[in-house]
């Protein structure tokens, strides 16, 4: 455990990849805030920003003309900082560049760069520990963690860009955006590239909408983070799109996860979570489209997957053991190498499938109502053998695998038991 003092903040940091300090605002140095009406001040390059802030009254506006300004900067009072195009706040390569501990602060248009790279010190481009803080159109680069919200509620991070280091191994990068014990924030329209993760831990009531995370590890990682919404985001070329652990009441809708590849690649993953609704998403070209591990977690818990497209994945859906209680309704399983895979020798008969579209359905629709007259109940011998012996994946989609499946069809006594049953498969 490390006790740090940063610009009037006492931070208790616990060792660990995603451990964030328990923040307590401690007046180690009390800056006197002048009384009087709000002011409007414009600075030019070379000006001392900390000195200018020290002289401002609460509610003032500080404008930065184009050019480079020296960090670090600590905002300890209510103000609006407006950066004109080309204004850069540059750190000295150590510590955090911009620290906000006051409530009701807005920062717009600022480029932040040159922070430290010491994870044990919590180095970041921007650290927010105030309430109702709005960050808009920031560009953050050459730092470890990009934007770090700690116990920061009711704020917003909008149209910001965080650029990590492509030269570093993904696990050695800092998080692009981290929410730690931060509730009811609006995270919208941000672009994160070559970072480690977008983290939402111990944080509730947040909305993540229309963000783009690419070439990173976790596009969004929720842990002990309930009542959050993930809508309209795009995750491309990451290891994992969205992973949810030990969290309840999450809505994931209208997101796209493309090319989440590698041995651990997956579009959406859920572990021991309840009251999950996943609707209208597209999971394309991933190693695994959706992964379920004890979700729903409790008897009677909800895990509803409705109207999603799972296409061209190695496994459309992968289930860790015999799950019970999840519902898949109206989804499109399109040209996945394996539509549904179950770890071990289990099956997915405890999961309800109804009214989904399966491109490998071989039944018929004599009454023309668009629903197959026979249930979809695949018995694919090659896929079953691959699940039991992963090394056999080498033979997937080969003539040898096709011959095995043909043999199982010709001689039903060799066919494995069905993995799942969809009583009303939709043709289309």
Protein backbone atom coordinates (compact mmCIF):
# COMPACT_ATOMS: atom_id res chain seq x y z
CA UNK A 1 0.00 0.00 0.00
CA UNK A 2 1.41 3.35 -1.05
CA UNK A 3 0.39 6.74 0.26
CA UNK A 4 0.85 9.52 -2.24
CA UNK A 5 0.28 13.24 -2.00
CA UNK A 6 -0.57 14.95 -5.27
CA UNK A 7 -1.61 18.58 -5.37
CA UNK A 8 -3.75 18.43 -2.27
CA UNK A 9 -5.01 14.86 -2.87
CA UNK A 10 -4.21 12.01 -0.54
CA UNK A 11 -4.26 8.82 -2.58
CA UNK A 12 -4.08 5.30 -1.20
CA UNK A 13 -2.88 3.06 -4.02
CA UNK A 14 -3.14 -0.71 -3.93
CA UNK A 15 -0.77 -2.73 -6.08
CA UNK A 16 -2.41 -4.41 -9.05
CA UNK A 17 -3.10 -3.97 -12.73
CA UNK A 18 -6.39 -2.14 -12.37
CA UNK A 19 -6.23 -1.13 -8.74
CA UNK A 20 -7.18 2.48 -8.33
CA UNK A 21 -6.62 4.44 -5.16
CA UNK A 22 -9.37 5.13 -2.72
CA UNK A 23 -9.47 8.88 -3.09
CA UNK A 24 -9.97 11.22 -0.21
CA UNK A 25 -9.66 14.94 -0.78
CA UNK A 26 -7.37 16.20 1.96
CA UNK A 27 -6.45 19.90 2.21
CA UNK A 28 -2.70 19.33 2.37
CA UNK A 29 -2.28 22.75 0.77
CA UNK A 30 -5.26 25.09 0.96
CA UNK A 31 -5.42 27.61 -1.84
CA UNK A 32 -7.43 30.68 -0.96
CA UNK A 33 -10.13 31.43 -3.55
CA UNK A 34 -10.63 35.17 -4.06
CA UNK A 35 -14.15 36.49 -3.61
CA UNK A 36 -15.92 38.49 -6.26
CA UNK A 37 -17.76 38.06 -9.54
CA UNK A 38 -16.56 35.52 -12.17
CA UNK A 39 -13.72 36.71 -14.39
CA UNK A 40 -12.72 36.09 -17.98
CA UNK A 41 -8.98 35.75 -18.58
CA UNK A 42 -7.09 34.82 -21.75
CA UNK A 43 -3.52 33.53 -21.54
CA UNK A 44 -0.82 33.29 -24.19
CA UNK A 45 2.03 30.78 -24.37
CA UNK A 46 4.61 31.20 -21.64
CA UNK A 47 2.02 32.26 -19.08
CA UNK A 48 1.93 30.54 -15.69
CA UNK A 49 -1.40 28.69 -15.64
CA UNK A 50 -1.24 27.68 -11.95
CA UNK A 51 -0.63 31.30 -10.95
CA UNK A 52 -3.50 32.46 -13.14
CA UNK A 53 -5.86 29.91 -11.60
CA UNK A 54 -4.77 30.92 -8.10
CA UNK A 55 -5.96 34.47 -8.85
CA UNK A 56 -9.35 33.50 -10.31
CA UNK A 57 -12.67 33.68 -8.54
CA UNK A 58 -15.08 30.74 -8.59
CA UNK A 59 -17.08 30.44 -11.81
CA UNK A 60 -14.44 32.19 -13.93
CA UNK A 61 -13.45 31.34 -17.52
CA UNK A 62 -9.82 30.79 -18.47
CA UNK A 63 -9.00 30.75 -22.20
CA UNK A 64 -5.71 29.47 -23.61
CA UNK A 65 -4.45 30.89 -26.89
CA UNK A 66 -2.73 28.50 -29.34
CA UNK A 67 0.67 27.31 -28.16
CA UNK A 68 2.33 25.12 -25.55
CA UNK A 69 1.89 25.57 -21.81
CA UNK A 70 3.83 23.86 -19.07
CA UNK A 71 2.10 21.36 -16.80
CA UNK A 72 1.23 20.04 -14.33
CA UNK A 73 -1.91 22.05 -13.62
CA UNK A 74 -4.29 21.62 -10.69
CA UNK A 75 -7.84 23.00 -10.92
CA UNK A 76 -9.06 23.42 -7.36
CA UNK A 77 -12.04 25.72 -7.93
CA UNK A 78 -15.11 25.93 -10.15
CA UNK A 79 -14.09 27.28 -13.55
CA UNK A 80 -14.31 26.74 -17.29
CA UNK A 81 -11.04 26.19 -19.15
CA UNK A 82 -11.38 26.75 -22.90
CA UNK A 83 -8.46 25.85 -25.15
CA UNK A 84 -8.36 27.47 -28.55
CA UNK A 85 -7.26 25.16 -31.41
CA UNK A 86 -3.56 24.41 -31.03
CA UNK A 87 -3.35 24.93 -27.26
CA UNK A 88 -1.28 22.17 -25.64
CA UNK A 89 -0.72 21.39 -21.97
CA UNK A 90 2.59 19.51 -21.79
CA UNK A 91 3.89 17.67 -18.77
CA UNK A 92 7.54 17.07 -18.02
CA UNK A 93 7.31 13.31 -18.47
CA UNK A 94 6.52 12.57 -14.84
CA UNK A 95 3.33 12.54 -12.78
CA UNK A 96 -0.14 13.56 -13.92
CA UNK A 97 -0.52 16.49 -16.29
CA UNK A 98 -3.99 17.85 -15.40
CA UNK A 99 -5.64 17.25 -12.00
CA UNK A 100 -9.19 18.38 -11.25
CA UNK A 101 -10.39 18.23 -7.64
CA UNK A 102 -13.08 20.93 -7.72
CA UNK A 103 -16.74 20.42 -8.55
CA UNK A 104 -18.50 21.91 -11.58
CA UNK A 105 -15.42 22.25 -13.78
CA UNK A 106 -15.51 22.23 -17.59
CA UNK A 107 -12.45 21.70 -19.81
CA UNK A 108 -12.87 22.08 -23.57
CA UNK A 109 -10.60 21.55 -26.56
CA UNK A 110 -7.33 20.98 -24.71
CA UNK A 111 -4.47 18.77 -25.91
CA UNK A 112 -2.78 17.00 -22.98
CA UNK A 113 0.53 15.20 -23.35
CA UNK A 114 3.79 14.28 -21.68
CA UNK A 115 2.65 12.54 -18.49
CA UNK A 116 4.60 10.02 -16.46
CA UNK A 117 4.65 6.26 -16.93
CA UNK A 118 4.69 5.01 -13.34
CA UNK A 119 1.60 2.90 -12.67
CA UNK A 120 2.32 2.73 -8.93
CA UNK A 121 2.05 6.52 -8.79
CA UNK A 122 -1.20 6.63 -10.75
CA UNK A 123 0.30 8.72 -13.56
CA UNK A 124 -2.32 9.92 -16.03
CA UNK A 125 -3.03 12.57 -18.59
CA UNK A 126 -6.14 13.80 -16.78
CA UNK A 127 -7.21 12.87 -13.24
CA UNK A 128 -10.74 13.83 -12.16
CA UNK A 129 -11.74 13.70 -8.49
CA UNK A 130 -14.52 16.29 -8.51
CA UNK A 131 -18.25 16.10 -9.10
CA UNK A 132 -20.06 17.27 -12.24
CA UNK A 133 -16.84 17.66 -14.23
CA UNK A 134 -17.27 17.90 -18.01
CA UNK A 135 -14.41 17.07 -20.37
CA UNK A 136 -15.09 17.88 -24.00
CA UNK A 137 -12.95 17.49 -27.14
CA UNK A 138 -9.70 16.69 -25.32
CA UNK A 139 -6.81 14.93 -27.07
CA UNK A 140 -4.64 12.94 -24.69
CA UNK A 141 -1.42 11.20 -25.77
CA UNK A 142 2.08 10.30 -24.57
CA UNK A 143 0.76 9.37 -21.14
CA UNK A 144 0.16 6.10 -19.27
CA UNK A 145 -3.50 6.25 -18.28
CA UNK A 146 -5.47 8.65 -20.47
CA UNK A 147 -8.45 9.92 -18.46
CA UNK A 148 -8.91 8.69 -14.89
CA UNK A 149 -12.21 9.29 -13.05
CA UNK A 150 -12.02 8.46 -9.35
CA UNK A 151 -15.06 8.95 -7.15
CA UNK A 152 -16.22 11.44 -9.79
CA UNK A 153 -20.02 11.46 -10.19
CA UNK A 154 -22.49 13.14 -12.55
CA UNK A 155 -19.92 14.28 -15.08
CA UNK A 156 -19.27 13.76 -18.77
CA UNK A 157 -16.44 12.76 -21.10
CA UNK A 158 -17.53 13.74 -24.60
CA UNK A 159 -15.78 13.61 -27.99
CA UNK A 160 -12.34 13.07 -26.46
CA UNK A 161 -9.49 11.20 -28.12
CA UNK A 162 -6.95 9.08 -26.24
CA UNK A 163 -3.97 7.74 -28.19
CA UNK A 164 -1.83 5.05 -26.58
CA UNK A 165 1.44 3.49 -27.62
CA UNK A 166 1.36 0.84 -30.34
CA UNK A 167 4.98 -0.03 -29.52
CA UNK A 168 4.09 -1.30 -26.04
CA UNK A 169 2.61 -4.74 -25.46
CA UNK A 170 -1.10 -4.27 -24.87
CA UNK A 171 -0.88 -5.45 -21.26
CA UNK A 172 1.82 -2.86 -20.52
CA UNK A 173 -0.21 0.10 -21.71
CA UNK A 174 -2.31 2.27 -19.46
CA UNK A 175 -6.09 2.36 -19.60
CA UNK A 176 -7.52 4.80 -22.08
CA UNK A 177 -10.42 5.72 -19.81
CA UNK A 178 -11.06 4.48 -16.30
CA UNK A 179 -14.09 4.92 -14.06
CA UNK A 180 -13.52 3.90 -10.44
CA UNK A 181 -16.37 4.38 -7.96
CA UNK A 182 -17.77 6.97 -10.36
CA UNK A 183 -21.53 7.03 -10.92
CA UNK A 184 -23.98 8.55 -13.41
CA UNK A 185 -21.41 9.77 -15.91
CA UNK A 186 -22.02 10.30 -19.61
CA UNK A 187 -19.27 8.75 -21.75
CA UNK A 188 -20.08 9.66 -25.35
CA UNK A 189 -18.38 9.89 -28.73
CA UNK A 190 -14.85 9.17 -27.54
CA UNK A 191 -12.11 7.53 -29.62
CA UNK A 192 -9.57 5.29 -27.87
CA UNK A 193 -6.70 3.77 -29.85
CA UNK A 194 -3.80 1.52 -28.78
CA UNK A 195 -4.70 1.67 -25.10
CA UNK A 196 -5.13 -1.19 -22.65
CA UNK A 197 -8.78 -1.03 -21.53
CA UNK A 198 -11.82 1.13 -21.01
CA UNK A 199 -12.60 0.24 -17.38
CA UNK A 200 -15.84 0.67 -15.44
CA UNK A 201 -15.29 -0.76 -11.96
CA UNK A 202 -17.48 -0.27 -8.87
CA UNK A 203 -19.38 2.36 -10.85
CA UNK A 204 -23.13 2.54 -11.47
CA UNK A 205 -25.62 4.40 -13.61
CA UNK A 206 -23.19 5.35 -16.37
CA UNK A 207 -24.00 5.50 -20.08
CA UNK A 208 -21.41 4.60 -22.71
CA UNK A 209 -22.69 5.66 -26.13
CA UNK A 210 -21.14 6.02 -29.59
CA UNK A 211 -17.55 5.44 -28.47
CA UNK A 212 -14.94 3.74 -30.65
CA UNK A 213 -12.21 1.56 -29.13
CA UNK A 214 -9.70 -0.02 -31.48
CA UNK A 215 -6.43 -1.98 -31.31
CA UNK A 216 -6.74 -2.35 -27.55
CA UNK A 217 -7.45 -5.16 -25.07
CA UNK A 218 -10.87 -4.69 -23.46
CA UNK A 219 -13.13 -2.35 -25.38
CA UNK A 220 -15.14 -2.01 -22.16
CA UNK A 221 -14.58 -3.98 -18.95
CA UNK A 222 -17.26 -3.90 -16.26
CA UNK A 223 -16.69 -5.38 -12.81
CA UNK A 224 -18.97 -4.91 -9.80
CA UNK A 225 -20.61 -2.26 -11.97
CA UNK A 226 -24.41 -2.47 -12.13
CA UNK A 227 -27.14 -0.39 -13.80
CA UNK A 228 -25.02 0.72 -16.76
CA UNK A 229 -25.94 1.19 -20.44
CA UNK A 230 -23.67 0.37 -23.40
CA UNK A 231 -25.25 1.61 -26.63
CA UNK A 232 -24.14 2.30 -30.18
CA UNK A 233 -20.42 1.74 -29.59
CA UNK A 234 -17.94 0.28 -32.05
CA UNK A 235 -15.15 -2.04 -30.93
CA UNK A 236 -12.77 -3.15 -33.67
CA UNK A 237 -9.56 -5.18 -33.67
CA UNK A 238 -9.49 -5.46 -29.88
CA UNK A 239 -8.95 -8.69 -27.94
CA UNK A 240 -12.37 -8.40 -26.26
CA UNK A 241 -15.26 -6.10 -27.09
CA UNK A 242 -17.20 -5.97 -23.81
CA UNK A 243 -16.64 -8.16 -20.75
CA UNK A 244 -19.02 -8.06 -17.79
CA UNK A 245 -18.15 -9.60 -14.42
CA UNK A 246 -20.19 -9.73 -11.21
CA UNK A 247 -22.55 -7.00 -12.41
CA UNK A 248 -26.32 -6.73 -12.64
CA UNK A 249 -28.80 -4.77 -14.72
CA UNK A 250 -26.76 -3.97 -17.82
CA UNK A 251 -28.22 -3.08 -21.21
CA UNK A 252 -26.07 -3.64 -24.29
CA UNK A 253 -27.79 -2.51 -27.45
CA UNK A 254 -26.86 -1.62 -31.04
CA UNK A 255 -23.11 -2.10 -30.59
CA UNK A 256 -20.68 -3.55 -33.15
CA UNK A 257 -17.74 -5.79 -32.25
CA UNK A 258 -15.56 -6.74 -35.20
CA UNK A 259 -12.42 -8.87 -35.43
CA UNK A 260 -11.92 -9.63 -31.73
CA UNK A 261 -9.34 -12.26 -32.52
CA UNK A 262 -6.69 -14.39 -30.86
CA UNK A 263 -7.10 -17.35 -28.54
CA UNK A 264 -8.99 -15.20 -25.99
CA UNK A 265 -10.83 -13.11 -28.57
CA UNK A 266 -14.54 -12.54 -27.96
CA UNK A 267 -17.23 -10.02 -28.76
CA UNK A 268 -19.20 -10.09 -25.50
CA UNK A 269 -18.34 -12.05 -22.36
CA UNK A 270 -20.44 -12.46 -19.22
CA UNK A 271 -19.36 -14.00 -15.93
CA UNK A 272 -21.64 -14.47 -12.92
CA UNK A 273 -23.96 -11.61 -13.81
CA UNK A 274 -27.74 -11.17 -13.74
CA UNK A 275 -30.44 -9.02 -15.33
CA UNK A 276 -28.52 -8.71 -18.57
CA UNK A 277 -30.27 -7.55 -21.75
CA UNK A 278 -28.34 -7.79 -25.03
CA UNK A 279 -30.30 -6.56 -28.04
CA UNK A 280 -29.61 -5.51 -31.62
CA UNK A 281 -25.83 -5.94 -31.56
CA UNK A 282 -23.57 -7.18 -34.37
CA UNK A 283 -20.71 -9.54 -33.50
CA UNK A 284 -18.64 -10.08 -36.63
CA UNK A 285 -15.50 -12.08 -37.35
CA UNK A 286 -14.59 -12.72 -33.72
CA UNK A 287 -13.01 -15.81 -32.23
CA UNK A 288 -16.11 -16.13 -30.04
CA UNK A 289 -19.17 -13.98 -30.57
CA UNK A 290 -20.76 -14.34 -27.11
CA UNK A 291 -19.28 -16.16 -24.12
CA UNK A 292 -21.37 -17.18 -21.09
CA UNK A 293 -19.95 -18.28 -17.75
CA UNK A 294 -22.64 -18.78 -15.09
CA UNK A 295 -24.86 -16.06 -16.51
CA UNK A 296 -27.52 -15.68 -15.35
CA UNK A 297 -25.92 -16.36 -12.01
CA UNK A 298 -28.96 -16.78 -9.79
CA UNK A 299 -32.04 -18.95 -10.25
CA UNK A 300 -34.66 -16.81 -11.97
CA UNK A 301 -32.09 -14.26 -13.11
CA UNK A 302 -32.38 -12.68 -16.56
CA UNK A 303 -29.93 -13.04 -19.43
CA UNK A 304 -31.85 -12.10 -22.58
CA UNK A 305 -30.21 -12.08 -26.02
CA UNK A 306 -32.58 -10.76 -28.65
CA UNK A 307 -32.23 -9.56 -32.23
CA UNK A 308 -28.43 -9.84 -32.39
CA UNK A 309 -26.38 -10.88 -35.42
CA UNK A 310 -23.53 -13.31 -34.84
CA UNK A 311 -21.74 -13.79 -38.15
CA UNK A 312 -18.47 -15.25 -39.43
CA UNK A 313 -17.16 -16.01 -35.94
CA UNK A 314 -15.18 -19.13 -35.14
CA UNK A 315 -17.87 -19.84 -32.51
CA UNK A 316 -21.05 -17.83 -32.55
CA UNK A 317 -21.88 -18.66 -28.93
CA UNK A 318 -19.62 -20.41 -26.46
CA UNK A 319 -21.01 -21.66 -23.16
CA UNK A 320 -18.80 -22.61 -20.23
CA UNK A 321 -20.47 -25.77 -18.95
CA UNK A 322 -24.18 -26.47 -18.85
CA UNK A 323 -25.76 -23.05 -18.42
CA UNK A 324 -29.37 -22.66 -17.35
CA UNK A 325 -31.70 -19.71 -17.71
CA UNK A 326 -30.28 -17.71 -20.62
CA UNK A 327 -32.74 -16.92 -23.43
CA UNK A 328 -31.81 -16.48 -27.12
CA UNK A 329 -34.73 -15.21 -29.17
CA UNK A 330 -34.80 -13.75 -32.68
CA UNK A 331 -31.03 -13.75 -33.20
CA UNK A 332 -29.27 -14.47 -36.50
CA UNK A 333 -26.49 -17.07 -36.37
CA UNK A 334 -24.87 -16.59 -39.77
CA UNK A 335 -22.01 -18.66 -41.18
CA UNK A 336 -20.15 -19.20 -37.92
CA UNK A 337 -17.67 -22.08 -38.08
CA UNK A 338 -19.46 -23.48 -35.03
CA UNK A 339 -22.82 -21.97 -34.23
CA UNK A 340 -22.88 -22.98 -30.55
CA UNK A 341 -19.99 -24.50 -28.64
CA UNK A 342 -20.19 -25.92 -25.11
CA UNK A 343 -17.07 -26.55 -23.05
CA UNK A 344 -16.43 -30.10 -21.92
CA UNK A 345 -19.00 -32.79 -22.59
CA UNK A 346 -22.00 -30.62 -21.64
CA UNK A 347 -24.79 -29.29 -23.84
CA UNK A 348 -26.88 -26.14 -24.09
CA UNK A 349 -30.25 -27.74 -23.46
CA UNK A 350 -30.65 -25.59 -20.34
CA UNK A 351 -30.54 -22.48 -22.50
CA UNK A 352 -33.75 -21.47 -24.28
CA UNK A 353 -33.41 -20.94 -28.04
CA UNK A 354 -36.55 -19.85 -29.85
CA UNK A 355 -37.17 -18.17 -33.19
CA UNK A 356 -33.54 -17.73 -34.19
CA UNK A 357 -32.19 -17.88 -37.74
CA UNK A 358 -29.53 -20.54 -38.42
CA UNK A 359 -27.75 -20.65 -41.77
CA UNK A 360 -27.04 -24.36 -41.38
CA UNK A 361 -30.69 -25.28 -40.82
CA UNK A 362 -31.63 -28.11 -43.17
CA UNK A 363 -35.34 -28.41 -42.44
CA UNK A 364 -38.29 -27.21 -44.48
CA UNK A 365 -41.32 -24.89 -44.27
CA UNK A 366 -44.27 -26.56 -45.98
CA UNK A 367 -46.90 -24.13 -44.66
CA UNK A 368 -44.90 -21.07 -45.77
CA UNK A 369 -45.11 -19.19 -42.46
CA UNK A 370 -41.36 -18.49 -42.40
CA UNK A 371 -40.78 -20.88 -39.49
CA UNK A 372 -39.21 -24.29 -39.98
CA UNK A 373 -41.52 -27.24 -39.52
CA UNK A 374 -38.74 -29.19 -37.83
CA UNK A 375 -36.79 -28.06 -34.82
CA UNK A 376 -33.19 -26.97 -35.26
CA UNK A 377 -31.27 -29.58 -33.30
CA UNK A 378 -27.73 -29.88 -34.67
CA UNK A 379 -25.76 -33.07 -34.24
CA UNK A 380 -22.41 -32.17 -35.80
CA UNK A 381 -19.87 -34.90 -35.09
CA UNK A 382 -16.78 -32.92 -36.13
CA UNK A 383 -17.70 -29.98 -33.88
CA UNK A 384 -18.39 -32.30 -30.96
CA UNK A 385 -15.02 -33.99 -31.36
CA UNK A 386 -13.28 -30.59 -31.60
CA UNK A 387 -14.87 -29.46 -28.34
CA UNK A 388 -13.63 -32.62 -26.63
CA UNK A 389 -10.22 -32.55 -28.33
CA UNK A 390 -9.31 -28.89 -29.14
CA UNK A 391 -6.26 -30.00 -31.15
CA UNK A 392 -8.66 -31.30 -33.78
CA UNK A 393 -9.56 -27.72 -34.66
CA UNK A 394 -6.70 -28.00 -37.14
CA UNK A 395 -9.03 -30.12 -39.30
CA UNK A 396 -12.01 -27.74 -39.15
CA UNK A 397 -13.63 -27.03 -42.54
CA UNK A 398 -11.52 -29.69 -44.23
CA UNK A 399 -12.63 -32.66 -46.33
CA UNK A 400 -11.82 -34.96 -43.41
CA UNK A 401 -14.20 -33.08 -41.10
CA UNK A 402 -16.89 -33.11 -43.80
CA UNK A 403 -16.48 -36.86 -44.20
CA UNK A 404 -17.03 -37.36 -40.45
CA UNK A 405 -20.26 -35.34 -40.58
CA UNK A 406 -21.45 -37.26 -43.62
CA UNK A 407 -20.74 -40.52 -41.81
CA UNK A 408 -22.78 -39.38 -38.80
CA UNK A 409 -25.72 -38.51 -41.08
CA UNK A 410 -25.58 -41.83 -42.89
CA UNK A 411 -25.25 -43.84 -39.70
CA UNK A 412 -27.27 -42.11 -36.93
CA UNK A 413 -25.83 -44.44 -34.29
CA UNK A 414 -22.55 -42.48 -34.63
CA UNK A 415 -24.19 -39.07 -34.30
CA UNK A 416 -23.69 -37.26 -30.98
CA UNK A 417 -26.58 -36.00 -28.90
CA UNK A 418 -27.86 -32.55 -29.92
CA UNK A 419 -26.11 -29.53 -28.46
CA UNK A 420 -29.27 -27.40 -28.40
CA UNK A 421 -32.83 -27.25 -29.63
CA UNK A 422 -34.63 -24.32 -31.26
CA UNK A 423 -38.25 -25.40 -31.65
CA UNK A 424 -39.16 -22.55 -34.02
CA UNK A 425 -36.20 -21.78 -36.30
CA UNK A 426 -36.82 -18.86 -38.60
CA UNK A 427 -35.97 -19.23 -42.27
CA UNK A 428 -34.24 -16.37 -43.94
